[in-house]
């Protein structure tokens, strides 16, 4: 049998859980800030407007899904 992750997918999308995760994992928060702000610019330089839109979509998905993926990979979400 597989273990259930400590954080469900719907719980990971709540603002309080996401904020708690990023406050307790400062290095991940810094990387996510860089990804969220730089990925759209990289998209503009690589593919123009379509790259910018895809960069925004990918960075927002990363921002929202990182707490859930970290719980799946065994990181402790709540300290």
C-alpha atoms as a PDB file:
ATOM      1  CA  UNK A   1       0.000   0.000   0.000  1.00  0.00           C
ATOM      2  CA  UNK A   2       1.100   3.533  -0.610  1.00  0.00           C
ATOM      3  CA  UNK A   3       1.321   6.129   2.098  1.00  0.00           C
ATOM      4  CA  UNK A   4      -1.049   9.061   1.885  1.00  0.00           C
ATOM      5  CA  UNK A   5       0.867  12.342   1.589  1.00  0.00           C
ATOM      6  CA  UNK A   6       0.821  14.596   4.635  1.00  0.00           C
ATOM      7  CA  UNK A   7      -0.805  17.334   2.589  1.00  0.00           C
ATOM      8  CA  UNK A   8      -3.696  16.731   0.221  1.00  0.00           C
ATOM      9  CA  UNK A   9      -3.828  18.471  -3.122  1.00  0.00           C
ATOM     10  CA  UNK A  10      -6.813  20.631  -2.184  1.00  0.00           C
ATOM     11  CA  UNK A  11      -5.169  21.589   1.134  1.00  0.00           C
ATOM     12  CA  UNK A  12      -2.002  22.637  -0.658  1.00  0.00           C
ATOM     13  CA  UNK A  13      -3.956  25.184  -2.695  1.00  0.00           C
ATOM     14  CA  UNK A  14      -5.174  27.126   0.341  1.00  0.00           C
ATOM     15  CA  UNK A  15      -3.497  30.410   1.087  1.00  0.00           C
ATOM     16  CA  UNK A  16      -2.692  29.569   4.724  1.00  0.00           C
ATOM     17  CA  UNK A  17      -0.955  26.288   3.865  1.00  0.00           C
ATOM     18  CA  UNK A  18       1.010  27.835   1.023  1.00  0.00           C
ATOM     19  CA  UNK A  19       2.078  30.775   3.184  1.00  0.00           C
ATOM     20  CA  UNK A  20       3.121  28.472   6.022  1.00  0.00           C
ATOM     21  CA  UNK A  21       5.124  26.337   3.615  1.00  0.00           C
ATOM     22  CA  UNK A  22       7.019  29.241   2.079  1.00  0.00           C
ATOM     23  CA  UNK A  23       7.648  30.880   5.469  1.00  0.00           C
ATOM     24  CA  UNK A  24       9.183  27.698   6.831  1.00  0.00           C
ATOM     25  CA  UNK A  25      11.211  26.996   3.658  1.00  0.00           C
ATOM     26  CA  UNK A  26      12.989  30.274   2.919  1.00  0.00           C
ATOM     27  CA  UNK A  27      15.407  28.949   0.239  1.00  0.00           C
ATOM     28  CA  UNK A  28      12.526  27.467  -1.738  1.00  0.00           C
ATOM     29  CA  UNK A  29      10.646  30.768  -1.399  1.00  0.00           C
ATOM     30  CA  UNK A  30      13.588  32.702  -2.831  1.00  0.00           C
ATOM     31  CA  UNK A  31      13.845  30.315  -5.785  1.00  0.00           C
ATOM     32  CA  UNK A  32      10.112  30.605  -6.398  1.00  0.00           C
ATOM     33  CA  UNK A  33      10.318  34.419  -6.366  1.00  0.00           C
ATOM     34  CA  UNK A  34      13.054  34.238  -8.983  1.00  0.00           C
ATOM     35  CA  UNK A  35      11.063  31.778 -11.099  1.00  0.00           C
ATOM     36  CA  UNK A  36       7.841  33.772 -10.892  1.00  0.00           C
ATOM     37  CA  UNK A  37       9.491  37.024 -11.933  1.00  0.00           C
ATOM     38  CA  UNK A  38      12.126  35.811 -14.406  1.00  0.00           C
ATOM     39  CA  UNK A  39      10.369  33.036 -16.326  1.00  0.00           C
ATOM     40  CA  UNK A  40       7.998  35.383 -18.217  1.00  0.00           C
ATOM     41  CA  UNK A  41      10.976  37.503 -19.336  1.00  0.00           C
ATOM     42  CA  UNK A  42      12.811  34.402 -20.495  1.00  0.00           C
ATOM     43  CA  UNK A  43       9.694  33.447 -22.438  1.00  0.00           C
ATOM     44  CA  UNK A  44       9.598  36.866 -24.115  1.00  0.00           C
ATOM     45  CA  UNK A  45      13.189  36.573 -25.230  1.00  0.00           C
ATOM     46  CA  UNK A  46      12.758  33.014 -26.499  1.00  0.00           C
ATOM     47  CA  UNK A  47       9.308  33.056 -28.119  1.00  0.00           C
ATOM     48  CA  UNK A  48       7.795  36.530 -27.863  1.00  0.00           C
ATOM     49  CA  UNK A  49       4.265  36.984 -26.550  1.00  0.00           C
ATOM     50  CA  UNK A  50       3.436  33.264 -26.566  1.00  0.00           C
ATOM     51  CA  UNK A  51       6.571  32.606 -24.522  1.00  0.00           C
ATOM     52  CA  UNK A  52       5.618  35.322 -22.051  1.00  0.00           C
ATOM     53  CA  UNK A  53       2.136  33.883 -21.559  1.00  0.00           C
ATOM     54  CA  UNK A  54       3.473  30.356 -21.163  1.00  0.00           C
ATOM     55  CA  UNK A  55       6.119  31.655 -18.743  1.00  0.00           C
ATOM     56  CA  UNK A  56       3.437  33.252 -16.590  1.00  0.00           C
ATOM     57  CA  UNK A  57       1.311  30.092 -16.624  1.00  0.00           C
ATOM     58  CA  UNK A  58       4.252  27.836 -15.754  1.00  0.00           C
ATOM     59  CA  UNK A  59       5.485  30.109 -12.964  1.00  0.00           C
ATOM     60  CA  UNK A  60       2.020  30.355 -11.373  1.00  0.00           C
ATOM     61  CA  UNK A  61       1.600  26.579 -11.555  1.00  0.00           C
ATOM     62  CA  UNK A  62       5.001  26.102  -9.933  1.00  0.00           C
ATOM     63  CA  UNK A  63       4.127  28.559  -7.176  1.00  0.00           C
ATOM     64  CA  UNK A  64       0.876  26.771  -6.339  1.00  0.00           C
ATOM     65  CA  UNK A  65       2.088  23.184  -6.768  1.00  0.00           C
ATOM     66  CA  UNK A  66       5.438  23.363  -4.947  1.00  0.00           C
ATOM     67  CA  UNK A  67       3.992  22.767  -1.423  1.00  0.00           C
ATOM     68  CA  UNK A  68       2.122  19.692  -2.648  1.00  0.00           C
ATOM     69  CA  UNK A  69       5.087  18.311  -4.585  1.00  0.00           C
ATOM     70  CA  UNK A  70       7.360  18.865  -1.596  1.00  0.00           C
ATOM     71  CA  UNK A  71       4.984  16.867   0.594  1.00  0.00           C
ATOM     72  CA  UNK A  72       4.974  14.063  -1.973  1.00  0.00           C
ATOM     73  CA  UNK A  73       8.755  14.016  -2.028  1.00  0.00           C
ATOM     74  CA  UNK A  74       8.954  13.769   1.748  1.00  0.00           C
ATOM     75  CA  UNK A  75       9.660  17.327   2.806  1.00  0.00           C
ATOM     76  CA  UNK A  76       8.028  18.298   6.053  1.00  0.00           C
ATOM     77  CA  UNK A  77       5.407  20.934   5.307  1.00  0.00           C
ATOM     78  CA  UNK A  78       4.513  22.060   8.845  1.00  0.00           C
ATOM     79  CA  UNK A  79       7.182  22.630  11.457  1.00  0.00           C
END
